[in-house]
């Protein structure tokens, strides 16, 4: 390897080290942004989703109760209207 080739390689390695350092800084900033801005939003969304799921569960429970009451009423009406003793 000639001296010029070594200097070129040395500069390339130095430039690569600078780029890797900048990427490390960018990654640290991105991580901080995610922790400060994104995660709180996701937590709020998760909290809202839990509320919606709870309400949906209540609605399903009420619907099941209504269906059972309707089935009971159907049986009462059917027996009342049934001409057989």
PDB file of N, CA and C in Angstrom:
ATOM      1  N   UNK A   1       0.866  -1.167   0.000  1.00  0.00           N
ATOM      2  CA  UNK A   1       0.000   0.000   0.000  1.00  0.00           C
ATOM      3  C   UNK A   1       0.910   1.227   0.000  1.00  0.00           C
ATOM      4  N   UNK A   2       0.605   2.118  -0.887  1.00  0.00           N
ATOM      5  CA  UNK A   2       1.415   3.336  -0.985  1.00  0.00           C
ATOM      6  C   UNK A   2       0.964   4.333   0.066  1.00  0.00           C
ATOM      7  N   UNK A   3       1.755   5.349   0.252  1.00  0.00           N
ATOM      8  CA  UNK A   3       1.423   6.392   1.216  1.00  0.00           C
ATOM      9  C   UNK A   3       0.140   7.116   0.849  1.00  0.00           C
ATOM     10  N   UNK A   4      -0.063   7.362  -0.445  1.00  0.00           N
ATOM     11  CA  UNK A   4      -1.295   8.038  -0.895  1.00  0.00           C
ATOM     12  C   UNK A   4      -2.527   7.168  -0.634  1.00  0.00           C
ATOM     13  N   UNK A   5      -2.394   5.883  -0.909  1.00  0.00           N
ATOM     14  CA  UNK A   5      -3.511   4.967  -0.662  1.00  0.00           C
ATOM     15  C   UNK A   5      -3.838   4.913   0.833  1.00  0.00           C
ATOM     16  N   UNK A   6      -2.799   4.890   1.647  1.00  0.00           N
ATOM     17  CA  UNK A   6      -3.013   4.855   3.090  1.00  0.00           C
ATOM     18  C   UNK A   6      -3.704   6.129   3.567  1.00  0.00           C
ATOM     19  N   UNK A   7      -3.292   7.278   3.051  1.00  0.00           N
ATOM     20  CA  UNK A   7      -3.928   8.543   3.442  1.00  0.00           C
ATOM     21  C   UNK A   7      -5.392   8.574   2.997  1.00  0.00           C
ATOM     22  N   UNK A   8      -5.654   8.069   1.790  1.00  0.00           N
ATOM     23  CA  UNK A   8      -7.030   8.018   1.294  1.00  0.00           C
ATOM     24  C   UNK A   8      -7.875   7.108   2.181  1.00  0.00           C
ATOM     25  N   UNK A   9      -7.327   5.948   2.505  1.00  0.00           N
ATOM     26  CA  UNK A   9      -8.035   5.023   3.386  1.00  0.00           C
ATOM     27  C   UNK A   9      -8.243   5.642   4.759  1.00  0.00           C
ATOM     28  N   UNK A  10      -7.244   6.309   5.269  1.00  0.00           N
ATOM     29  CA  UNK A  10      -7.332   6.949   6.580  1.00  0.00           C
ATOM     30  C   UNK A  10      -8.415   8.034   6.589  1.00  0.00           C
ATOM     31  N   UNK A  11      -8.473   8.827   5.518  1.00  0.00           N
ATOM     32  CA  UNK A  11      -9.522   9.858   5.419  1.00  0.00           C
ATOM     33  C   UNK A  11     -10.904   9.213   5.348  1.00  0.00           C
ATOM     34  N   UNK A  12     -11.014   8.127   4.573  1.00  0.00           N
ATOM     35  CA  UNK A  12     -12.304   7.441   4.442  1.00  0.00           C
ATOM     36  C   UNK A  12     -12.750   6.890   5.793  1.00  0.00           C
ATOM     37  N   UNK A  13     -11.826   6.308   6.537  1.00  0.00           N
ATOM     38  CA  UNK A  13     -12.168   5.792   7.862  1.00  0.00           C
ATOM     39  C   UNK A  13     -12.559   6.938   8.784  1.00  0.00           C
ATOM     40  N   UNK A  14     -11.853   8.046   8.713  1.00  0.00           N
ATOM     41  CA  UNK A  14     -12.198   9.222   9.522  1.00  0.00           C
ATOM     42  C   UNK A  14     -13.576   9.752   9.177  1.00  0.00           C
ATOM     43  N   UNK A  15     -13.870   9.837   7.872  1.00  0.00           N
ATOM     44  CA  UNK A  15     -15.197  10.295   7.435  1.00  0.00           C
ATOM     45  C   UNK A  15     -16.286   9.337   7.910  1.00  0.00           C
ATOM     46  N   UNK A  16     -15.999   8.048   7.837  1.00  0.00           N
ATOM     47  CA  UNK A  16     -16.955   7.054   8.307  1.00  0.00           C
ATOM     48  C   UNK A  16     -17.203   7.210   9.801  1.00  0.00           C
ATOM     49  N   UNK A  17     -16.161   7.459  10.554  1.00  0.00           N
ATOM     50  CA  UNK A  17     -16.311   7.657  12.000  1.00  0.00           C
ATOM     51  C   UNK A  17     -17.177   8.875  12.293  1.00  0.00           C
ATOM     52  N   UNK A  18     -17.009   9.939  11.511  1.00  0.00           N
ATOM     53  CA  UNK A  18     -17.829  11.142  11.695  1.00  0.00           C
ATOM     54  C   UNK A  18     -19.295  10.825  11.406  1.00  0.00           C
ATOM     55  N   UNK A  19     -19.544  10.124  10.315  1.00  0.00           N
ATOM     56  CA  UNK A  19     -20.918   9.778   9.940  1.00  0.00           C
ATOM     57  C   UNK A  19     -21.550   8.885  10.999  1.00  0.00           C
ATOM     58  N   UNK A  20     -20.809   7.901  11.485  1.00  0.00           N
ATOM     59  CA  UNK A  20     -21.335   7.015  12.522  1.00  0.00           C
ATOM     60  C   UNK A  20     -21.633   7.810  13.786  1.00  0.00           C
ATOM     61  N   UNK A  21     -20.769   8.753  14.135  1.00  0.00           N
ATOM     62  CA  UNK A  21     -21.015   9.609  15.299  1.00  0.00           C
ATOM     63  C   UNK A  21     -22.275  10.441  15.133  1.00  0.00           C
ATOM     64  N   UNK A  22     -22.471  11.006  13.936  1.00  0.00           N
ATOM     65  CA  UNK A  22     -23.679  11.790  13.666  1.00  0.00           C
ATOM     66  C   UNK A  22     -24.928  10.911  13.729  1.00  0.00           C
ATOM     67  N   UNK A  23     -24.816   9.697  13.205  1.00  0.00           N
ATOM     68  CA  UNK A  23     -25.955   8.775  13.266  1.00  0.00           C
ATOM     69  C   UNK A  23     -26.280   8.423  14.713  1.00  0.00           C
ATOM     70  N   UNK A  24     -25.261   8.272  15.525  1.00  0.00           N
ATOM     71  CA  UNK A  24     -25.472   7.968  16.939  1.00  0.00           C
ATOM     72  C   UNK A  24     -26.214   9.117  17.627  1.00  0.00           C
ATOM     73  N   UNK A  25     -25.825  10.342  17.312  1.00  0.00           N
ATOM     74  CA  UNK A  25     -26.499  11.518  17.881  1.00  0.00           C
ATOM     75  C   UNK A  25     -27.950  11.573  17.400  1.00  0.00           C
ATOM     76  N   UNK A  26     -28.147  11.365  16.098  1.00  0.00           N
ATOM     77  CA  UNK A  26     -29.508  11.378  15.544  1.00  0.00           C
ATOM     78  C   UNK A  26     -30.379  10.306  16.193  1.00  0.00           C
ATOM     79  N   UNK A  27     -29.807   9.144  16.399  1.00  0.00           N
ATOM     80  CA  UNK A  27     -30.550   8.057  17.024  1.00  0.00           C
ATOM     81  C   UNK A  27     -30.913   8.396  18.465  1.00  0.00           C
ATOM     82  N   UNK A  28     -29.997   9.012  19.185  1.00  0.00           N
ATOM     83  CA  UNK A  28     -30.283   9.420  20.568  1.00  0.00           C
ATOM     84  C   UNK A  28     -31.395  10.464  20.597  1.00  0.00           C
ATOM     85  N   UNK A  29     -31.367  11.414  19.645  1.00  0.00           N
ATOM     86  CA  UNK A  29     -32.422  12.431  19.575  1.00  0.00           C
ATOM     87  C   UNK A  29     -33.767  11.793  19.230  1.00  0.00           C
ATOM     88  N   UNK A  30     -33.744  10.848  18.311  1.00  0.00           N
ATOM     89  CA  UNK A  30     -34.978  10.157  17.937  1.00  0.00           C
ATOM     90  C   UNK A  30     -35.541   9.382  19.124  1.00  0.00           C
ATOM     91  N   UNK A  31     -34.677   8.719  19.852  1.00  0.00           N
ATOM     92  CA  UNK A  31     -35.112   7.971  21.029  1.00  0.00           C
ATOM     93  C   UNK A  31     -35.741   8.914  22.055  1.00  0.00           C
ATOM     94  N   UNK A  32     -35.132  10.069  22.272  1.00  0.00           N
ATOM     95  CA  UNK A  32     -35.681  11.045  23.216  1.00  0.00           C
ATOM     96  C   UNK A  32     -37.040  11.547  22.742  1.00  0.00           C
ATOM     97  N   UNK A  33     -37.162  11.809  21.455  1.00  0.00           N
ATOM     98  CA  UNK A  33     -38.433  12.269  20.897  1.00  0.00           C
ATOM     99  C   UNK A  33     -39.522  11.217  21.085  1.00  0.00           C
ATOM    100  N   UNK A  34     -39.184   9.978  20.824  1.00  0.00           N
ATOM    101  CA  UNK A  34     -40.157   8.893  21.001  1.00  0.00           C
ATOM    102  C   UNK A  34     -40.613   8.838  22.449  1.00  0.00           C
ATOM    103  N   UNK A  35     -39.672   8.915  23.385  1.00  0.00           N
ATOM    104  CA  UNK A  35     -40.028   8.839  24.802  1.00  0.00           C
ATOM    105  C   UNK A  35     -40.839  10.051  25.261  1.00  0.00           C
ATOM    106  N   UNK A  36     -40.534  11.224  24.721  1.00  0.00           N
ATOM    107  CA  UNK A  36     -41.202  12.451  25.176  1.00  0.00           C
ATOM    108  C   UNK A  36     -42.534  12.700  24.482  1.00  0.00           C
ATOM    109  N   UNK A  37     -42.637  12.327  23.214  1.00  0.00           N
ATOM    110  CA  UNK A  37     -43.818  12.705  22.441  1.00  0.00           C
ATOM    111  C   UNK A  37     -44.680  11.517  22.003  1.00  0.00           C
ATOM    112  N   UNK A  38     -44.054  10.480  21.520  1.00  0.00           N
ATOM    113  CA  UNK A  38     -44.812   9.374  20.935  1.00  0.00           C
ATOM    114  C   UNK A  38     -45.408   8.469  22.010  1.00  0.00           C
ATOM    115  N   UNK A  39     -44.600   8.057  22.968  1.00  0.00           N
ATOM    116  CA  UNK A  39     -45.099   7.130  23.990  1.00  0.00           C
ATOM    117  C   UNK A  39     -46.268   7.695  24.793  1.00  0.00           C
ATOM    118  N   UNK A  40     -46.228   8.966  25.211  1.00  0.00           N
ATOM    119  CA  UNK A  40     -47.408   9.492  25.914  1.00  0.00           C
ATOM    120  C   UNK A  40     -48.677   9.442  25.047  1.00  0.00           C
ATOM    121  N   UNK A  41     -48.532   9.726  23.767  1.00  0.00           N
ATOM    122  CA  UNK A  41     -49.695   9.649  22.870  1.00  0.00           C
ATOM    123  C   UNK A  41     -50.206   8.221  22.775  1.00  0.00           C
ATOM    124  N   UNK A  42     -49.296   7.280  22.663  1.00  0.00           N
ATOM    125  CA  UNK A  42     -49.708   5.875  22.596  1.00  0.00           C
ATOM    126  C   UNK A  42     -50.380   5.437  23.886  1.00  0.00           C
ATOM    127  N   UNK A  43     -49.891   5.924  25.008  1.00  0.00           N
ATOM    128  CA  UNK A  43     -50.517   5.581  26.291  1.00  0.00           C
ATOM    129  C   UNK A  43     -51.934   6.139  26.357  1.00  0.00           C
ATOM    130  N   UNK A  44     -52.115   7.382  25.888  1.00  0.00           N
ATOM    131  CA  UNK A  44     -53.459   7.969  25.881  1.00  0.00           C
ATOM    132  C   UNK A  44     -54.388   7.168  24.971  1.00  0.00           C
ATOM    133  N   UNK A  45     -53.880   6.784  23.810  1.00  0.00           N
ATOM    134  CA  UNK A  45     -54.684   5.975  22.893  1.00  0.00           C
ATOM    135  C   UNK A  45     -55.040   4.648  23.547  1.00  0.00           C
ATOM    136  N   UNK A  46     -54.069   4.033  24.220  1.00  0.00           N
ATOM    137  CA  UNK A  46     -54.317   2.760  24.900  1.00  0.00           C
ATOM    138  C   UNK A  46     -55.364   2.927  25.998  1.00  0.00           C
ATOM    139  N   UNK A  47     -55.285   4.036  26.744  1.00  0.00           N
ATOM    140  CA  UNK A  47     -56.278   4.303  27.791  1.00  0.00           C
ATOM    141  C   UNK A  47     -57.673   4.472  27.192  1.00  0.00           C
ATOM    142  N   UNK A  48     -57.749   5.211  26.096  1.00  0.00           N
ATOM    143  CA  UNK A  48     -59.045   5.411  25.442  1.00  0.00           C
ATOM    144  C   UNK A  48     -59.591   4.098  24.897  1.00  0.00           C
ATOM    145  N   UNK A  49     -58.709   3.288  24.341  1.00  0.00           N
ATOM    146  CA  UNK A  49     -59.129   1.991  23.829  1.00  0.00           C
ATOM    147  C   UNK A  49     -59.669   1.114  24.954  1.00  0.00           C
ATOM    148  N   UNK A  50     -59.044   1.176  26.113  1.00  0.00           N
ATOM    149  CA  UNK A  50     -59.529   0.397  27.261  1.00  0.00           C
ATOM    150  C   UNK A  50     -60.930   0.847  27.651  1.00  0.00           C
ATOM    151  N   UNK A  51     -61.187   2.155  27.604  1.00  0.00           N
ATOM    152  CA  UNK A  51     -62.519   2.674  27.925  1.00  0.00           C
ATOM    153  C   UNK A  51     -63.534   2.174  26.895  1.00  0.00           C
ATOM    154  N   UNK A  52     -63.167   2.244  25.630  1.00  0.00           N
ATOM    155  CA  UNK A  52     -64.069   1.782  24.567  1.00  0.00           C
ATOM    156  C   UNK A  52     -64.347   0.288  24.719  1.00  0.00           C
ATOM    157  N   UNK A  53     -63.306  -0.489  25.010  1.00  0.00           N
ATOM    158  CA  UNK A  53     -63.499  -1.931  25.199  1.00  0.00           C
ATOM    159  C   UNK A  53     -64.423  -2.209  26.378  1.00  0.00           C
ATOM    160  N   UNK A  54     -64.281  -1.441  27.439  1.00  0.00           N
ATOM    161  CA  UNK A  54     -65.141  -1.615  28.609  1.00  0.00           C
ATOM    162  C   UNK A  54     -66.591  -1.292  28.259  1.00  0.00           C
ATOM    163  N   UNK A  55     -66.786  -0.190  27.542  1.00  0.00           N
ATOM    164  CA  UNK A  55     -68.146   0.178  27.138  1.00  0.00           C
ATOM    165  C   UNK A  55     -68.738  -0.874  26.205  1.00  0.00           C
ATOM    166  N   UNK A  56     -67.920  -1.372  25.284  1.00  0.00           N
ATOM    167  CA  UNK A  56     -68.388  -2.397  24.361  1.00  0.00           C
ATOM    168  C   UNK A  56     -68.795  -3.649  25.121  1.00  0.00           C
ATOM    169  N   UNK A  57     -68.005  -4.012  26.108  1.00  0.00           N
ATOM    170  CA  UNK A  57     -68.326  -5.178  26.930  1.00  0.00           C
ATOM    171  C   UNK A  57     -69.655  -4.977  27.652  1.00  0.00           C
ATOM    172  N   UNK A  58     -69.880  -3.767  28.172  1.00  0.00           N
ATOM    173  CA  UNK A  58     -71.159  -3.464  28.827  1.00  0.00           C
ATOM    174  C   UNK A  58     -72.321  -3.584  27.846  1.00  0.00           C
ATOM    175  N   UNK A  59     -72.118  -3.082  26.642  1.00  0.00           N
ATOM    176  CA  UNK A  59     -73.165  -3.162  25.619  1.00  0.00           C
ATOM    177  C   UNK A  59     -73.456  -4.620  25.278  1.00  0.00           C
ATOM    178  N   UNK A  60     -72.396  -5.418  25.132  1.00  0.00           N
ATOM    179  CA  UNK A  60     -72.597  -6.839  24.835  1.00  0.00           C
ATOM    180  C   UNK A  60     -73.361  -7.533  25.965  1.00  0.00           C
ATOM    181  N   UNK A  61     -73.037  -7.179  27.200  1.00  0.00           N
ATOM    182  CA  UNK A  61     -73.749  -7.756  28.343  1.00  0.00           C
ATOM    183  C   UNK A  61     -75.213  -7.379  28.341  1.00  0.00           C
ATOM    184  N   UNK A  62     -75.486  -6.113  28.063  1.00  0.00           N
ATOM    185  CA  UNK A  62     -76.887  -5.665  28.009  1.00  0.00           C
ATOM    186  C   UNK A  62     -77.635  -6.347  26.872  1.00  0.00           C
ATOM    187  N   UNK A  63     -76.967  -6.493  25.749  1.00  0.00           N
ATOM    188  CA  UNK A  63     -77.589  -7.156  24.608  1.00  0.00           C
ATOM    189  C   UNK A  63     -77.908  -8.612  24.937  1.00  0.00           C
ATOM    190  N   UNK A  64     -76.983  -9.291  25.574  1.00  0.00           N
ATOM    191  CA  UNK A  64     -77.225 -10.692  25.957  1.00  0.00           C
ATOM    192  C   UNK A  64     -78.401 -10.784  26.922  1.00  0.00           C
ATOM    193  N   UNK A  65     -78.466  -9.856  27.876  1.00  0.00           N
ATOM    194  CA  UNK A  65     -79.587  -9.841  28.823  1.00  0.00           C
ATOM    195  C   UNK A  65     -80.901  -9.594  28.087  1.00  0.00           C
ATOM    196  N   UNK A  66     -80.894  -8.649  27.167  1.00  0.00           N
ATOM    197  CA  UNK A  66     -82.110  -8.356  26.393  1.00  0.00           C
ATOM    198  C   UNK A  66     -82.530  -9.554  25.560  1.00  0.00           C
ATOM    199  N   UNK A  67     -81.562 -10.242  24.972  1.00  0.00           N
ATOM    200  CA  UNK A  67     -81.893 -11.421  24.168  1.00  0.00           C
ATOM    201  C   UNK A  67     -82.503 -12.520  25.038  1.00  0.00           C
ATOM    202  N   UNK A  68     -81.969 -12.699  26.238  1.00  0.00           N
ATOM    203  CA  UNK A  68     -82.545 -13.709  27.143  1.00  0.00           C
ATOM    204  C   UNK A  68     -83.965 -13.324  27.543  1.00  0.00           C
ATOM    205  N   UNK A  69     -84.183 -12.051  27.840  1.00  0.00           N
ATOM    206  CA  UNK A  69     -85.533 -11.598  28.209  1.00  0.00           C
ATOM    207  C   UNK A  69     -86.496 -11.791  27.046  1.00  0.00           C
ATOM    208  N   UNK A  70     -86.033 -11.466  25.844  1.00  0.00           N
ATOM    209  CA  UNK A  70     -86.874 -11.632  24.665  1.00  0.00           C
ATOM    210  C   UNK A  70     -87.226 -13.103  24.468  1.00  0.00           C
ATOM    211  N   UNK A  71     -86.248 -13.983  24.636  1.00  0.00           N
ATOM    212  CA  UNK A  71     -86.501 -15.420  24.482  1.00  0.00           C
ATOM    213  C   UNK A  71     -87.506 -15.897  25.523  1.00  0.00           C
ATOM    214  N   UNK A  72     -87.390 -15.403  26.742  1.00  0.00           N
ATOM    215  CA  UNK A  72     -88.337 -15.774  27.800  1.00  0.00           C
ATOM    216  C   UNK A  72     -89.737 -15.284  27.448  1.00  0.00           C
ATOM    217  N   UNK A  73     -89.828 -14.035  26.992  1.00  0.00           N
ATOM    218  CA  UNK A  73     -91.134 -13.495  26.590  1.00  0.00           C
ATOM    219  C   UNK A  73     -91.724 -14.287  25.429  1.00  0.00           C
ATOM    220  N   UNK A  74     -90.892 -14.669  24.479  1.00  0.00           N
ATOM    221  CA  UNK A  74     -91.377 -15.475  23.359  1.00  0.00           C
ATOM    222  C   UNK A  74     -91.979 -16.782  23.855  1.00  0.00           C
ATOM    223  N   UNK A  75     -91.306 -17.414  24.811  1.00  0.00           N
ATOM    224  CA  UNK A  75     -91.818 -18.676  25.354  1.00  0.00           C
ATOM    225  C   UNK A  75     -93.148 -18.465  26.065  1.00  0.00           C
ATOM    226  N   UNK A  76     -93.255 -17.390  26.827  1.00  0.00           N
ATOM    227  CA  UNK A  76     -94.504 -17.101  27.537  1.00  0.00           C
ATOM    228  C   UNK A  76     -95.625 -16.869  26.531  1.00  0.00           C
ATOM    229  N   UNK A  77     -95.369 -16.058  25.527  1.00  0.00           N
ATOM    230  CA  UNK A  77     -96.387 -15.759  24.517  1.00  0.00           C
ATOM    231  C   UNK A  77     -96.729 -17.018  23.737  1.00  0.00           C
ATOM    232  N   UNK A  78     -95.735 -17.808  23.386  1.00  0.00           N
ATOM    233  CA  UNK A  78     -95.987 -19.037  22.630  1.00  0.00           C
ATOM    234  C   UNK A  78     -96.849 -19.994  23.442  1.00  0.00           C
ATOM    235  N   UNK A  79     -96.542 -20.144  24.713  1.00  0.00           N
ATOM    236  CA  UNK A  79     -97.338 -21.034  25.570  1.00  0.00           C
ATOM    237  C   UNK A  79     -98.751 -20.494  25.740  1.00  0.00           C
ATOM    238  N   UNK A  80     -98.892 -19.187  25.843  1.00  0.00           N
ATOM    239  CA  UNK A  80    -100.214 -18.575  26.017  1.00  0.00           C
ATOM    240  C   UNK A  80    -101.063 -18.787  24.771  1.00  0.00           C
ATOM    241  N   UNK A  81    -100.440 -18.663  23.600  1.00  0.00           N
ATOM    242  CA  UNK A  81    -101.179 -18.788  22.348  1.00  0.00           C
ATOM    243  C   UNK A  81    -101.303 -20.230  21.872  1.00  0.00           C
ATOM    244  N   UNK A  82    -100.644 -21.167  22.546  1.00  0.00           N
ATOM    245  CA  UNK A  82    -100.679 -22.573  22.134  1.00  0.00           C
ATOM    246  C   UNK A  82    -102.023 -23.183  22.534  1.00  0.00           C
ATOM    247  N   UNK A  83    -102.793 -23.707  21.570  1.00  0.00           N
ATOM    248  CA  UNK A  83    -104.120 -24.247  21.895  1.00  0.00           C
ATOM    249  C   UNK A  83    -104.063 -25.601  22.591  1.00  0.00           C
ATOM    250  N   UNK A  84    -102.947 -26.290  22.549  1.00  0.00           N
ATOM    251  CA  UNK A  84    -102.881 -27.614  23.190  1.00  0.00           C
ATOM    252  C   UNK A  84    -102.783 -27.454  24.693  1.00  0.00           C
ATOM    253  N   UNK A  85    -103.404 -28.370  25.418  1.00  0.00           N
ATOM    254  CA  UNK A  85    -103.403 -28.241  26.891  1.00  0.00           C
ATOM    255  C   UNK A  85    -102.066 -28.535  27.514  1.00  0.00           C
TER     256      UNK A  85
END
